[in-house]
Amino acid sequence: MRILTRILALALTSTATVLPAAAGSLDDPFATAARTPAAPSPQQFGRSGAVPCADRLPDAPLGPVEAVDLALCRHPQTREVWATARAQAAQLGVARAAWLPTVDASLAATRYQYAEDPYTRRSASLTLSWLLYDFGQRAAGVEAAEQLLAAASATQDATVQSLFLAALQAYYNAQATRAAVGAAGLAERSAEAALAAAELRYQVGVGTPADRLQAQTARSQATLNRIRADGEAQKALGVLANAIGLPAGRPLALQDAPPPPAPGAFAQDVAALIAEAQARRPDLKAAEAQLRAAEAAVDAARAAGLPRLSLAAGPSWVDTGPATTQGGQFGLTLSVPLFSGFDTTYRVRSAAAQVDVRAAQRDRVQNQVALDVWQAWQNLNTATQSLQTTADLVASAEQSERVALGRYKAGVGSVLDLLAAQSALAAARVQRIQAELDWNVNRAALAQSVGALDYSLLQGAAEGKP
């Protein structure tokens, strides 16, 4: 009896170490819901104020903040990763359930047909089964489930940050393509002005047919460029609609782009950013958790080949008609695997190889994190410097175009000089739009590469901060 008491005490102590301290509800006795990450929402990423997820587009034109709100609330991938995390939390409950006893009820009725004495045999039993000790297999299973839940939570964070970035990229690209339509329209009007000047000079006899034909060609090319730019803008709106979880054909109205940020030097310590990213990046945290889960799986595979001590108890009842028997059982069973055809050996070897796989994946992600930060830092540094250069480029191109048009109207300049100046101005405007797009996108990409992408980035962009 003392031995049995000690065995039960050991089983209860081991059970208490893996079960949650606070019991959950009847439908969640292991309180796994408390371990499940929250559903992706704007508040999760620092959105100020209580902003519920909207069921429809806002009435006002869409801004970058509202675009991200919709992406976090409506995109199907946010629901997918949250459901995956909930499923893994339930698997943690499955692992913890192995520490508790199971109770099975059995009812049976059999009719025996004998010529002289047919009878019916009825039986019932209630059996409690409890695995008391297994050399750590269940504990390893709980640890693996804990780590896989941590990995699922980190994967959710990484996925939602990627959606955050994708929504911003799509929004800024839609704004840029709309600005490109405006720039193409300005280039078309400039080409029309050049054509009107060539027509006037031809009519008064100081222009040549070649000048007029060249101006007509330039005007047609400018019109074609404007048509193509409009098509690109419509496609960009479809990409934006998809990024925020709406059908591609959904009409969208965008806010006017804010004034471009004041050009300035971008100076941050890239080594410090890489160190911060390695501490914050959720995909790296997920890889670390996957490695720890694989290590726990090795312990579980080893324990599967060790002895197991179980308890079974319960009453039974048998009725054969003339006689009724009542009884019960109570016993301990020690199962000692002697030979399993080397199954345990190869399971341990497979689990150990999976540890090497997860370790290599962790190292690969760690290197990728450093590369992501380095590339994003370089891209943003280049984009910040490009803002000043393209501002100067547009200013000089506008001045050159005005001078060329004035000289041509005055009869001292050639149509080729005018068309070249107009082409240079159109190209400068496109480069300016591209520089602003690159600055906005690369700023968000750097924050995402560090693992710090949230709504504070949009507030900083509204204030023109690098």
Protein backbone atom coordinates (compact mmCIF):
# COMPACT_ATOMS: atom_id res chain seq x y z
CA MET A 1 0.00 0.00 0.00
CA ARG A 2 2.86 2.37 0.76
CA ILE A 3 4.33 1.73 -2.67
CA LEU A 4 0.99 2.44 -4.35
CA THR A 5 0.61 5.65 -2.29
CA ARG A 6 4.03 6.83 -3.38
CA ILE A 7 3.30 6.05 -7.02
CA LEU A 8 0.04 8.01 -6.90
CA ALA A 9 1.78 10.95 -5.18
CA LEU A 10 4.46 10.97 -7.88
CA ALA A 11 1.83 10.89 -10.62
CA LEU A 12 -0.12 13.74 -9.04
CA THR A 13 3.04 15.83 -8.61
CA SER A 14 4.07 15.29 -12.23
CA THR A 15 0.57 16.15 -13.40
CA ALA A 16 0.56 19.40 -11.45
CA THR A 17 3.76 20.55 -13.14
CA VAL A 18 2.25 20.58 -16.63
CA LEU A 19 -1.36 21.54 -16.00
CA PRO A 20 -2.24 25.28 -15.83
CA ALA A 21 -2.40 26.82 -12.39
CA ALA A 22 -5.84 28.32 -13.01
CA ALA A 23 -8.60 26.10 -14.31
CA GLY A 24 -10.52 27.21 -17.33
CA SER A 25 -14.17 26.92 -18.20
CA LEU A 26 -16.03 23.70 -18.83
CA ASP A 27 -15.48 23.95 -22.57
CA ASP A 28 -11.80 24.91 -22.08
CA PRO A 29 -10.59 23.24 -18.86
CA PHE A 30 -6.92 23.78 -19.68
CA ALA A 31 -7.44 27.52 -20.34
CA THR A 32 -5.84 27.34 -23.78
CA ALA A 33 -7.87 30.32 -24.98
CA ALA A 34 -5.84 32.51 -22.65
CA ARG A 35 -2.69 31.33 -24.45
CA THR A 36 -4.09 32.03 -27.91
CA PRO A 37 -2.85 35.28 -29.49
CA ALA A 38 -5.46 37.96 -30.02
CA ALA A 39 -7.12 38.30 -33.40
CA PRO A 40 -5.22 40.67 -35.71
CA SER A 41 -6.60 44.18 -35.32
CA PRO A 42 -5.53 47.82 -35.69
CA GLN A 43 -5.19 48.14 -31.90
CA GLN A 44 -2.60 45.35 -31.94
CA PHE A 45 -0.29 47.61 -33.97
CA GLY A 46 -0.69 50.80 -31.97
CA ARG A 47 -3.75 52.34 -33.60
CA SER A 48 -4.81 55.18 -31.33
CA GLY A 49 -8.40 55.14 -30.12
CA ALA A 50 -10.98 52.37 -30.13
CA VAL A 51 -11.42 51.69 -33.85
CA PRO A 52 -13.70 48.71 -34.54
CA CYS A 53 -13.17 46.76 -37.73
CA ALA A 54 -15.27 48.34 -40.45
CA ASP A 55 -17.66 46.24 -42.53
CA ARG A 56 -17.52 48.65 -45.45
CA LEU A 57 -15.33 51.31 -47.00
CA PRO A 58 -15.29 54.70 -45.29
CA ASP A 59 -17.31 57.45 -46.94
CA ALA A 60 -14.28 59.76 -47.08
CA PRO A 61 -11.40 59.14 -49.50
CA LEU A 62 -9.11 56.36 -48.38
CA GLY A 63 -5.90 57.29 -46.58
CA PRO A 64 -2.94 55.03 -45.70
CA VAL A 65 -4.20 54.55 -42.13
CA GLU A 66 -7.64 53.45 -43.32
CA ALA A 67 -6.07 51.17 -45.92
CA VAL A 68 -4.07 49.39 -43.22
CA ASP A 69 -7.18 49.21 -41.00
CA LEU A 70 -9.05 47.40 -43.74
CA ALA A 71 -6.13 45.06 -44.49
CA LEU A 72 -5.80 43.99 -40.85
CA CYS A 73 -9.54 43.52 -40.45
CA ARG A 74 -10.69 42.13 -43.80
CA HIS A 75 -7.83 40.31 -45.48
CA PRO A 76 -8.48 36.53 -45.51
CA GLN A 77 -4.89 35.78 -44.52
CA THR A 78 -5.38 37.43 -41.12
CA ARG A 79 -8.24 35.03 -40.41
CA GLU A 80 -6.14 32.13 -41.68
CA VAL A 81 -3.16 32.74 -39.38
CA TRP A 82 -5.41 33.38 -36.38
CA ALA A 83 -7.28 30.13 -37.01
CA THR A 84 -3.92 28.34 -37.26
CA ALA A 85 -2.88 29.76 -33.88
CA ARG A 86 -6.19 28.68 -32.31
CA ALA A 87 -5.72 25.18 -33.71
CA GLN A 88 -2.25 24.97 -32.19
CA ALA A 89 -3.60 26.19 -28.84
CA ALA A 90 -6.10 23.34 -28.95
CA GLN A 91 -3.22 20.94 -29.62
CA LEU A 92 -1.66 22.16 -26.39
CA GLY A 93 -4.87 21.06 -24.65
CA VAL A 94 -4.57 17.67 -26.33
CA ALA A 95 -1.02 17.29 -24.99
CA ARG A 96 -2.06 18.26 -21.46
CA ALA A 97 -5.03 15.87 -21.55
CA ALA A 98 -2.60 12.93 -21.62
CA TRP A 99 -1.77 13.61 -17.96
CA LEU A 100 -5.31 13.00 -16.73
CA PRO A 101 -7.06 9.65 -16.32
CA THR A 102 -9.68 8.44 -18.76
CA VAL A 103 -12.99 6.84 -17.83
CA ASP A 104 -14.71 4.43 -20.21
CA ALA A 105 -18.16 2.87 -19.88
CA SER A 106 -19.09 -0.37 -21.64
CA LEU A 107 -22.53 -1.93 -22.15
CA ALA A 108 -23.13 -5.22 -23.98
CA ALA A 109 -26.03 -7.59 -24.61
CA THR A 110 -25.68 -10.98 -26.35
CA ARG A 111 -28.48 -13.44 -27.16
CA TYR A 112 -27.45 -17.10 -27.10
CA GLN A 113 -29.85 -19.41 -28.98
CA TYR A 114 -29.74 -22.91 -27.60
CA ALA A 115 -32.55 -25.39 -28.45
CA GLU A 116 -33.31 -26.26 -24.86
CA ASP A 117 -32.12 -23.24 -22.91
CA PRO A 118 -31.73 -19.93 -24.79
CA TYR A 119 -30.65 -16.94 -22.69
CA THR A 120 -29.41 -13.38 -22.93
CA ARG A 121 -26.13 -12.25 -21.38
CA ARG A 122 -25.94 -8.62 -20.33
CA SER A 123 -22.83 -6.91 -19.01
CA ALA A 124 -21.67 -3.46 -17.98
CA SER A 125 -18.37 -2.05 -16.78
CA LEU A 126 -16.81 1.25 -15.82
CA THR A 127 -13.06 1.49 -16.17
CA LEU A 128 -10.70 4.23 -15.03
CA SER A 129 -7.33 4.16 -16.78
CA TRP A 130 -4.44 6.36 -15.73
CA LEU A 131 -0.91 6.43 -17.06
CA LEU A 132 1.09 7.12 -13.91
CA TYR A 133 4.66 7.32 -15.19
CA ASP A 134 6.24 7.28 -18.63
CA PHE A 135 9.78 8.65 -18.20
CA GLY A 136 8.93 12.07 -19.62
CA GLN A 137 7.10 11.30 -22.87
CA ARG A 138 4.02 13.32 -21.94
CA ALA A 139 6.10 16.18 -20.53
CA ALA A 140 8.04 16.33 -23.80
CA GLY A 141 4.76 16.37 -25.71
CA VAL A 142 3.51 19.33 -23.67
CA GLU A 143 6.79 21.18 -24.18
CA ALA A 144 6.63 20.59 -27.93
CA ALA A 145 3.03 21.85 -28.03
CA GLU A 146 4.02 24.92 -26.00
CA GLN A 147 6.81 25.77 -28.42
CA LEU A 148 4.66 25.14 -31.50
CA LEU A 149 2.05 27.50 -30.06
CA ALA A 150 4.77 30.12 -29.55
CA ALA A 151 5.85 29.55 -33.15
CA ALA A 152 2.26 29.94 -34.39
CA SER A 153 1.88 33.18 -32.43
CA ALA A 154 5.13 34.57 -33.84
CA THR A 155 4.15 33.46 -37.35
CA GLN A 156 0.88 35.34 -36.95
CA ASP A 157 2.77 38.49 -36.02
CA ALA A 158 5.13 38.09 -38.99
CA THR A 159 2.27 37.48 -41.41
CA VAL A 160 0.27 40.46 -40.20
CA GLN A 161 3.32 42.72 -40.46
CA SER A 162 3.77 41.51 -44.04
CA LEU A 163 0.13 42.36 -44.76
CA PHE A 164 0.64 45.77 -43.13
CA LEU A 165 3.59 46.42 -45.45
CA ALA A 166 1.77 45.05 -48.51
CA ALA A 167 -1.18 47.36 -47.87
CA LEU A 168 1.12 50.37 -47.57
CA GLN A 169 3.06 49.41 -50.70
CA ALA A 170 -0.15 49.00 -52.67
CA TYR A 171 -1.54 52.30 -51.36
CA TYR A 172 1.61 54.31 -52.09
CA ASN A 173 1.89 52.71 -55.52
CA ALA A 174 -1.73 53.63 -56.30
CA GLN A 175 -1.02 57.22 -55.27
CA ALA A 176 2.16 57.25 -57.37
CA THR A 177 0.42 55.93 -60.48
CA ARG A 178 -2.30 58.55 -60.03
CA ALA A 179 0.40 61.21 -59.78
CA ALA A 180 1.97 59.75 -62.92
CA VAL A 181 -1.35 60.27 -64.73
CA GLY A 182 -1.24 63.94 -63.69
CA ALA A 183 2.36 64.26 -64.86
CA ALA A 184 1.46 62.63 -68.18
CA GLY A 185 -1.42 65.09 -68.53
CA LEU A 186 0.96 68.03 -67.97
CA ALA A 187 3.33 66.57 -70.57
CA GLU A 188 0.42 66.22 -73.01
CA ARG A 189 -0.61 69.86 -72.50
CA SER A 190 3.00 70.96 -72.99
CA ALA A 191 3.12 68.97 -76.24
CA GLU A 192 -0.12 70.63 -77.34
CA ALA A 193 1.37 74.03 -76.60
CA ALA A 194 4.42 73.14 -78.67
CA LEU A 195 2.18 71.97 -81.51
CA ALA A 196 0.17 75.20 -81.35
CA ALA A 197 3.39 77.23 -81.54
CA ALA A 198 4.61 75.18 -84.51
CA GLU A 199 1.26 75.63 -86.27
CA LEU A 200 1.38 79.37 -85.70
CA ARG A 201 4.91 79.66 -87.06
CA TYR A 202 3.96 77.55 -90.07
CA GLN A 203 0.92 79.71 -90.82
CA VAL A 204 2.90 82.96 -90.72
CA GLY A 205 5.54 81.42 -92.97
CA VAL A 206 8.46 81.21 -90.58
CA GLY A 207 8.06 77.53 -89.69
CA THR A 208 8.67 74.40 -91.68
CA PRO A 209 6.41 71.39 -92.29
CA ALA A 210 9.02 69.25 -90.56
CA ASP A 211 8.67 71.30 -87.35
CA ARG A 212 4.92 70.87 -87.41
CA LEU A 213 5.14 67.11 -88.04
CA GLN A 214 7.66 66.66 -85.25
CA ALA A 215 5.39 68.56 -82.85
CA GLN A 216 2.41 66.44 -83.91
CA THR A 217 4.42 63.27 -83.30
CA ALA A 218 5.44 64.49 -79.85
CA ARG A 219 1.82 65.35 -79.00
CA SER A 220 0.63 61.88 -80.09
CA GLN A 221 3.37 60.24 -78.05
CA ALA A 222 2.40 62.30 -75.01
CA THR A 223 -1.25 61.27 -75.43
CA LEU A 224 -0.22 57.62 -75.67
CA ASN A 225 1.86 57.98 -72.50
CA ARG A 226 -1.11 59.49 -70.68
CA ILE A 227 -3.39 56.61 -71.78
CA ARG A 228 -0.85 54.05 -70.58
CA ALA A 229 -0.39 55.87 -67.29
CA ASP A 230 -4.14 55.84 -66.74
CA GLY A 231 -4.22 52.08 -67.34
CA GLU A 232 -1.41 51.54 -64.83
CA ALA A 233 -3.32 53.63 -62.29
CA GLN A 234 -6.42 51.50 -62.70
CA LYS A 235 -4.39 48.32 -62.25
CA ALA A 236 -2.77 49.76 -59.13
CA LEU A 237 -6.21 50.42 -57.66
CA GLY A 238 -7.11 46.78 -58.25
CA VAL A 239 -3.94 45.65 -56.46
CA LEU A 240 -4.79 47.97 -53.56
CA ALA A 241 -8.33 46.59 -53.33
CA ASN A 242 -6.93 43.07 -53.17
CA ALA A 243 -4.38 44.06 -50.52
CA ILE A 244 -7.11 45.36 -48.22
CA GLY A 245 -9.32 42.31 -48.71
CA LEU A 246 -11.76 43.64 -51.32
CA PRO A 247 -12.61 42.51 -54.87
CA ALA A 248 -10.17 43.90 -57.44
CA GLY A 249 -12.89 45.80 -59.31
CA ARG A 250 -14.11 47.70 -56.25
CA PRO A 251 -14.01 51.49 -56.91
CA LEU A 252 -11.66 53.30 -54.53
CA ALA A 253 -11.18 56.99 -53.88
CA LEU A 254 -7.81 57.97 -52.44
CA GLN A 255 -6.78 60.95 -50.38
CA ASP A 256 -4.49 63.47 -52.03
CA ALA A 257 -0.87 62.66 -51.39
CA PRO A 258 0.67 64.86 -48.68
CA PRO A 259 3.53 67.19 -49.59
CA PRO A 260 6.77 65.28 -50.06
CA PRO A 261 8.97 65.09 -46.98
CA ALA A 262 11.70 67.65 -46.56
CA PRO A 263 14.86 66.09 -47.98
CA GLY A 264 17.48 65.45 -45.37
CA ALA A 265 20.26 63.11 -44.47
CA PHE A 266 19.23 59.70 -43.23
CA ALA A 267 21.70 58.55 -40.59
CA GLN A 268 21.06 55.57 -38.35
CA ASP A 269 23.45 52.91 -37.14
CA VAL A 270 22.74 49.92 -39.33
CA ALA A 271 24.52 47.56 -36.90
CA ALA A 272 22.16 48.68 -34.12
CA LEU A 273 19.19 48.13 -36.43
CA ILE A 274 20.36 44.60 -37.24
CA ALA A 275 20.77 43.81 -33.52
CA GLU A 276 17.29 45.19 -32.83
CA ALA A 277 15.83 43.12 -35.68
CA GLN A 278 17.39 39.92 -34.34
CA ALA A 279 15.71 40.60 -31.01
CA ARG A 280 12.32 41.62 -32.44
CA ARG A 281 11.69 39.84 -35.74
CA PRO A 282 8.71 37.48 -35.25
CA ASP A 283 9.83 35.08 -37.98
CA LEU A 284 13.12 34.58 -36.16
CA LYS A 285 11.22 33.98 -32.92
CA ALA A 286 9.09 31.40 -34.74
CA ALA A 287 12.21 29.64 -36.02
CA GLU A 288 13.65 29.53 -32.49
CA ALA A 289 10.40 28.05 -31.14
CA GLN A 290 10.35 25.44 -33.92
CA LEU A 291 13.88 24.41 -32.92
CA ARG A 292 12.90 24.00 -29.25
CA ALA A 293 9.84 21.98 -30.29
CA ALA A 294 12.08 19.68 -32.34
CA GLU A 295 14.36 19.21 -29.32
CA ALA A 296 11.34 18.25 -27.20
CA ALA A 297 10.33 15.75 -29.90
CA VAL A 298 13.67 13.98 -29.45
CA ASP A 299 12.93 13.54 -25.73
CA ALA A 300 9.47 12.21 -26.56
CA ALA A 301 10.90 9.71 -29.08
CA ARG A 302 13.43 8.41 -26.52
CA ALA A 303 10.78 8.10 -23.80
CA ALA A 304 8.54 6.07 -26.13
CA GLY A 305 10.97 3.18 -25.82
CA LEU A 306 11.04 3.22 -22.01
CA PRO A 307 8.73 1.44 -19.51
CA ARG A 308 5.26 2.78 -18.70
CA LEU A 309 3.34 2.35 -15.47
CA SER A 310 -0.46 2.45 -15.66
CA LEU A 311 -3.34 2.06 -13.25
CA ALA A 312 -6.72 0.53 -14.11
CA ALA A 313 -9.76 0.29 -11.80
CA GLY A 314 -13.52 0.05 -12.02
CA PRO A 315 -16.66 -1.97 -11.27
CA SER A 316 -18.31 -4.54 -13.56
CA TRP A 317 -21.71 -6.26 -13.74
CA VAL A 318 -22.80 -9.41 -15.60
CA ASP A 319 -26.37 -10.78 -15.88
CA THR A 320 -26.89 -14.15 -17.54
CA GLY A 321 -30.54 -14.56 -16.62
CA PRO A 322 -30.56 -16.96 -13.72
CA ALA A 323 -27.36 -15.51 -12.25
CA THR A 324 -26.05 -12.01 -11.72
CA THR A 325 -22.44 -11.28 -10.94
CA GLN A 326 -20.97 -8.03 -9.67
CA GLY A 327 -17.28 -7.39 -9.33
CA GLY A 328 -14.51 -4.97 -10.04
CA GLN A 329 -10.85 -4.56 -10.82
CA PHE A 330 -7.91 -2.60 -9.46
CA GLY A 331 -4.42 -3.11 -10.71
CA LEU A 332 -1.11 -1.69 -11.84
CA THR A 333 0.46 -2.57 -15.15
CA LEU A 334 4.14 -2.09 -15.92
CA SER A 335 4.82 -2.24 -19.66
CA VAL A 336 8.45 -2.78 -20.57
CA PRO A 337 9.26 -2.61 -24.29
CA LEU A 338 11.89 -5.27 -24.94
CA PHE A 339 12.17 -5.15 -28.71
CA SER A 340 10.24 -3.03 -31.20
CA GLY A 341 12.07 -3.88 -34.37
CA PHE A 342 14.39 -0.87 -33.90
CA ASP A 343 11.38 1.43 -34.24
CA THR A 344 12.48 3.61 -31.31
CA THR A 345 16.04 3.79 -32.62
CA TYR A 346 14.99 5.21 -35.94
CA ARG A 347 12.38 7.50 -34.44
CA VAL A 348 15.04 9.07 -32.22
CA ARG A 349 17.39 9.35 -35.19
CA SER A 350 14.68 11.01 -37.28
CA ALA A 351 13.81 13.44 -34.48
CA ALA A 352 17.49 14.33 -33.99
CA ALA A 353 17.82 15.04 -37.71
CA GLN A 354 14.79 17.32 -37.48
CA VAL A 355 16.64 19.28 -34.79
CA ASP A 356 19.48 19.82 -37.27
CA VAL A 357 16.93 20.90 -39.89
CA ARG A 358 15.31 23.42 -37.55
CA ALA A 359 18.69 24.72 -36.39
CA ALA A 360 19.76 25.29 -39.99
CA GLN A 361 16.46 27.01 -40.73
CA ARG A 362 16.92 29.23 -37.66
CA ASP A 363 20.42 30.20 -38.82
CA ARG A 364 19.15 30.87 -42.34
CA VAL A 365 16.40 33.15 -41.02
CA GLN A 366 18.93 34.92 -38.79
CA ASN A 367 21.15 35.64 -41.77
CA GLN A 368 18.15 36.73 -43.83
CA VAL A 369 17.13 39.16 -41.08
CA ALA A 370 20.54 40.85 -41.26
CA LEU A 371 20.34 40.99 -45.07
CA ASP A 372 16.81 42.40 -45.00
CA VAL A 373 17.83 45.21 -42.66
CA TRP A 374 21.00 45.96 -44.61
CA GLN A 375 19.18 46.17 -47.95
CA ALA A 376 16.27 48.19 -46.54
CA TRP A 377 18.70 50.60 -44.85
CA GLN A 378 20.64 51.10 -48.08
CA ASN A 379 17.42 51.55 -50.09
CA LEU A 380 16.08 54.16 -47.69
CA ASN A 381 19.40 55.97 -47.58
CA THR A 382 19.41 56.13 -51.39
CA ALA A 383 15.76 57.23 -51.52
CA THR A 384 16.36 59.98 -48.98
CA GLN A 385 19.22 61.39 -51.04
CA SER A 386 17.18 61.03 -54.23
CA LEU A 387 14.46 63.33 -52.90
CA GLN A 388 16.79 66.36 -52.96
CA THR A 389 18.27 65.45 -56.33
CA THR A 390 14.90 64.96 -58.03
CA ALA A 391 13.58 68.22 -56.55
CA ASP A 392 16.51 70.06 -58.13
CA LEU A 393 16.04 68.08 -61.34
CA VAL A 394 12.37 69.07 -61.71
CA ALA A 395 13.10 72.72 -60.93
CA SER A 396 15.86 72.96 -63.56
CA ALA A 397 13.81 71.02 -66.15
CA GLU A 398 10.83 73.34 -65.69
CA GLN A 399 13.04 76.38 -66.16
CA SER A 400 14.66 74.83 -69.23
CA GLU A 401 11.26 74.04 -70.76
CA ARG A 402 10.00 77.59 -70.21
CA VAL A 403 13.13 79.07 -71.80
CA ALA A 404 12.96 76.69 -74.79
CA LEU A 405 9.29 77.47 -75.40
CA GLY A 406 9.91 81.21 -75.19
CA ARG A 407 12.87 81.00 -77.58
CA TYR A 408 10.87 78.94 -80.05
CA LYS A 409 7.94 81.35 -80.01
CA ALA A 410 10.35 84.20 -80.47
CA GLY A 411 11.83 82.47 -83.51
CA VAL A 412 15.35 82.05 -82.10
CA GLY A 413 15.06 78.43 -81.00
CA SER A 414 14.47 75.18 -82.81
CA VAL A 415 11.57 72.79 -82.33
CA LEU A 416 14.05 70.04 -81.49
CA ASP A 417 15.34 72.06 -78.54
CA LEU A 418 11.78 72.59 -77.33
CA LEU A 419 10.77 68.95 -77.66
CA ALA A 420 13.96 67.82 -75.93
CA ALA A 421 13.29 70.18 -73.04
CA GLN A 422 9.70 68.97 -72.74
CA SER A 423 10.82 65.33 -72.80
CA ALA A 424 13.41 66.03 -70.10
CA LEU A 425 10.77 67.73 -67.96
CA ALA A 426 8.37 64.79 -68.32
CA ALA A 427 11.14 62.37 -67.36
CA ALA A 428 12.11 64.53 -64.36
CA ARG A 429 8.54 64.56 -63.08
CA VAL A 430 8.34 60.77 -63.36
CA GLN A 431 11.62 60.39 -61.49
CA ARG A 432 10.34 62.71 -58.76
CA ILE A 433 7.20 60.60 -58.36
CA GLN A 434 9.32 57.46 -58.25
CA ALA A 435 11.61 58.99 -55.62
CA GLU A 436 8.66 59.84 -53.37
CA LEU A 437 7.24 56.34 -53.84
CA ASP A 438 10.60 54.77 -53.04
CA TRP A 439 10.97 56.89 -49.90
CA ASN A 440 7.55 55.93 -48.55
CA VAL A 441 7.87 52.23 -49.39
CA ASN A 442 11.48 51.83 -48.25
CA ARG A 443 10.75 53.59 -44.98
CA ALA A 444 7.99 51.06 -44.27
CA ALA A 445 10.18 48.18 -45.50
CA LEU A 446 12.96 49.15 -43.07
CA ALA A 447 10.51 49.21 -40.17
CA GLN A 448 9.17 45.80 -41.20
CA SER A 449 12.68 44.37 -41.57
CA VAL A 450 13.42 45.45 -37.99
CA GLY A 451 10.10 44.03 -36.75
CA ALA A 452 8.80 47.45 -35.67
CA LEU A 453 6.18 48.23 -38.31
CA ASP A 454 3.14 49.89 -36.72
CA TYR A 455 0.91 52.95 -36.98
CA SER A 456 3.55 55.27 -35.54
CA LEU A 457 5.26 55.05 -38.94
CA LEU A 458 2.22 56.60 -40.62
CA GLN A 459 2.08 59.38 -38.05
CA GLY A 460 5.75 60.12 -38.69
CA ALA A 461 5.16 60.18 -42.46
CA ALA A 462 2.31 62.66 -41.99
CA GLU A 463 4.72 64.91 -40.08
CA GLY A 464 7.42 64.52 -42.75
CA LYS A 465 9.85 62.70 -40.49
CA PRO A 466 12.43 60.34 -42.01
